[in-house]
Amino acid sequence: MPTDTILAIVPVILLFAFFAATMVWADIYSRKQ
């Protein structure tokens, strides 16, 4: 895979991972309340 393709995909993966982690954290946090 070309380097520029990897550089284009990595930010998308990081953004998706951050979004997923936020959703999971919010779900756990709301259940504790």
PDB file of N, CA and C in Angstrom:
ATOM      1  N   MET A   1       0.852  -1.194   0.000  1.00  0.00           N
ATOM      2  CA  MET A   1       0.000   0.000   0.000  1.00  0.00           C
ATOM      3  C   MET A   1       0.890   1.248   0.000  1.00  0.00           C
ATOM      4  N   PRO A   2       0.580   2.206  -0.852  1.00  0.00           N
ATOM      5  CA  PRO A   2       1.408   3.427  -0.924  1.00  0.00           C
ATOM      6  C   PRO A   2       1.381   4.203   0.383  1.00  0.00           C
ATOM      7  N   THR A   3       2.434   4.960   0.616  1.00  0.00           N
ATOM      8  CA  THR A   3       2.538   5.722   1.865  1.00  0.00           C
ATOM      9  C   THR A   3       1.441   6.770   1.968  1.00  0.00           C
ATOM     10  N   ASP A   4       1.129   7.439   0.850  1.00  0.00           N
ATOM     11  CA  ASP A   4       0.105   8.489   0.899  1.00  0.00           C
ATOM     12  C   ASP A   4      -1.273   7.923   1.225  1.00  0.00           C
ATOM     13  N   THR A   5      -1.514   6.683   0.818  1.00  0.00           N
ATOM     14  CA  THR A   5      -2.791   6.049   1.141  1.00  0.00           C
ATOM     15  C   THR A   5      -2.886   5.784   2.640  1.00  0.00           C
ATOM     16  N   ILE A   6      -1.782   5.312   3.226  1.00  0.00           N
ATOM     17  CA  ILE A   6      -1.740   5.057   4.665  1.00  0.00           C
ATOM     18  C   ILE A   6      -1.939   6.360   5.432  1.00  0.00           C
ATOM     19  N   LEU A   7      -1.276   7.419   4.976  1.00  0.00           N
ATOM     20  CA  LEU A   7      -1.400   8.716   5.642  1.00  0.00           C
ATOM     21  C   LEU A   7      -2.822   9.256   5.549  1.00  0.00           C
ATOM     22  N   ALA A   8      -3.548   8.848   4.517  1.00  0.00           N
ATOM     23  CA  ALA A   8      -4.927   9.303   4.362  1.00  0.00           C
ATOM     24  C   ALA A   8      -5.880   8.475   5.225  1.00  0.00           C
ATOM     25  N   ILE A   9      -5.541   7.201   5.440  1.00  0.00           N
ATOM     26  CA  ILE A   9      -6.421   6.301   6.188  1.00  0.00           C
ATOM     27  C   ILE A   9      -6.238   6.442   7.703  1.00  0.00           C
ATOM     28  N   VAL A  10      -4.998   6.649   8.147  1.00  0.00           N
ATOM     29  CA  VAL A  10      -4.710   6.715   9.585  1.00  0.00           C
ATOM     30  C   VAL A  10      -5.571   7.737  10.328  1.00  0.00           C
ATOM     31  N   PRO A  11      -5.704   8.983   9.861  1.00  0.00           N
ATOM     32  CA  PRO A  11      -6.554   9.944  10.588  1.00  0.00           C
ATOM     33  C   PRO A  11      -8.006   9.490  10.684  1.00  0.00           C
ATOM     34  N   VAL A  12      -8.489   8.821   9.639  1.00  0.00           N
ATOM     35  CA  VAL A  12      -9.872   8.334   9.657  1.00  0.00           C
ATOM     36  C   VAL A  12     -10.036   7.252  10.720  1.00  0.00           C
ATOM     37  N   ILE A  13      -9.060   6.348  10.801  1.00  0.00           N
ATOM     38  CA  ILE A  13      -9.102   5.274  11.797  1.00  0.00           C
ATOM     39  C   ILE A  13      -9.038   5.855  13.207  1.00  0.00           C
ATOM     40  N   LEU A  14      -8.153   6.828  13.412  1.00  0.00           N
ATOM     41  CA  LEU A  14      -8.022   7.452  14.730  1.00  0.00           C
ATOM     42  C   LEU A  14      -9.313   8.170  15.116  1.00  0.00           C
ATOM     43  N   LEU A  15      -9.926   8.859  14.156  1.00  0.00           N
ATOM     44  CA  LEU A  15     -11.166   9.579  14.435  1.00  0.00           C
ATOM     45  C   LEU A  15     -12.281   8.603  14.781  1.00  0.00           C
ATOM     46  N   PHE A  16     -12.354   7.487  14.039  1.00  0.00           N
ATOM     47  CA  PHE A  16     -13.378   6.483  14.297  1.00  0.00           C
ATOM     48  C   PHE A  16     -13.162   5.826  15.662  1.00  0.00           C
ATOM     49  N   ALA A  17     -11.898   5.543  15.988  1.00  0.00           N
ATOM     50  CA  ALA A  17     -11.579   4.921  17.273  1.00  0.00           C
ATOM     51  C   ALA A  17     -11.929   5.865  18.417  1.00  0.00           C
ATOM     52  N   PHE A  18     -11.641   7.161  18.236  1.00  0.00           N
ATOM     53  CA  PHE A  18     -11.960   8.148  19.271  1.00  0.00           C
ATOM     54  C   PHE A  18     -13.469   8.252  19.462  1.00  0.00           C
ATOM     55  N   PHE A  19     -14.209   8.241  18.353  1.00  0.00           N
ATOM     56  CA  PHE A  19     -15.668   8.322  18.414  1.00  0.00           C
ATOM     57  C   PHE A  19     -16.249   7.090  19.108  1.00  0.00           C
ATOM     58  N   ALA A  20     -15.727   5.912  18.762  1.00  0.00           N
ATOM     59  CA  ALA A  20     -16.216   4.670  19.359  1.00  0.00           C
ATOM     60  C   ALA A  20     -15.912   4.644  20.856  1.00  0.00           C
ATOM     61  N   ALA A  21     -14.710   5.081  21.231  1.00  0.00           N
ATOM     62  CA  ALA A  21     -14.322   5.097  22.643  1.00  0.00           C
ATOM     63  C   ALA A  21     -15.201   6.069  23.424  1.00  0.00           C
ATOM     64  N   THR A  22     -15.546   7.191  22.800  1.00  0.00           N
ATOM     65  CA  THR A  22     -16.406   8.173  23.466  1.00  0.00           C
ATOM     66  C   THR A  22     -17.802   7.607  23.687  1.00  0.00           C
ATOM     67  N   MET A  23     -18.318   6.885  22.708  1.00  0.00           N
ATOM     68  CA  MET A  23     -19.644   6.292  22.832  1.00  0.00           C
ATOM     69  C   MET A  23     -19.665   5.239  23.937  1.00  0.00           C
ATOM     70  N   VAL A  24     -18.617   4.408  23.987  1.00  0.00           N
ATOM     71  CA  VAL A  24     -18.525   3.370  25.013  1.00  0.00           C
ATOM     72  C   VAL A  24     -18.397   4.006  26.392  1.00  0.00           C
ATOM     73  N   TRP A  25     -17.557   5.047  26.518  1.00  0.00           N
ATOM     74  CA  TRP A  25     -17.361   5.717  27.801  1.00  0.00           C
ATOM     75  C   TRP A  25     -18.665   6.360  28.273  1.00  0.00           C
ATOM     76  N   ALA A  26     -19.388   6.988  27.332  1.00  0.00           N
ATOM     77  CA  ALA A  26     -20.650   7.634  27.688  1.00  0.00           C
ATOM     78  C   ALA A  26     -21.673   6.593  28.141  1.00  0.00           C
ATOM     79  N   ASP A  27     -21.661   5.427  27.513  1.00  0.00           N
ATOM     80  CA  ASP A  27     -22.600   4.368  27.883  1.00  0.00           C
ATOM     81  C   ASP A  27     -22.299   3.853  29.286  1.00  0.00           C
ATOM     82  N   ILE A  28     -21.020   3.626  29.582  1.00  0.00           N
ATOM     83  CA  ILE A  28     -20.625   3.142  30.904  1.00  0.00           C
ATOM     84  C   ILE A  28     -20.900   4.212  31.960  1.00  0.00           C
ATOM     85  N   TYR A  29     -20.581   5.470  31.633  1.00  0.00           N
ATOM     86  CA  TYR A  29     -20.763   6.565  32.585  1.00  0.00           C
ATOM     87  C   TYR A  29     -22.237   6.769  32.911  1.00  0.00           C
ATOM     88  N   SER A  30     -23.108   6.627  31.908  1.00  0.00           N
ATOM     89  CA  SER A  30     -24.537   6.841  32.127  1.00  0.00           C
ATOM     90  C   SER A  30     -25.132   5.707  32.966  1.00  0.00           C
ATOM     91  N   ARG A  31     -24.553   4.524  32.869  1.00  0.00           N
ATOM     92  CA  ARG A  31     -25.076   3.397  33.653  1.00  0.00           C
ATOM     93  C   ARG A  31     -24.680   3.511  35.119  1.00  0.00           C
ATOM     94  N   LYS A  32     -23.565   4.188  35.404  1.00  0.00           N
ATOM     95  CA  LYS A  32     -23.132   4.349  36.795  1.00  0.00           C
ATOM     96  C   LYS A  32     -24.030   5.332  37.545  1.00  0.00           C
ATOM     97  N   GLN A  33     -24.596   6.278  36.833  1.00  0.00           N
ATOM     98  CA  GLN A  33     -25.419   7.307  37.481  1.00  0.00           C
ATOM     99  C   GLN A  33     -26.693   6.699  38.066  1.00  0.00           C
TER     100      GLN A  33
END
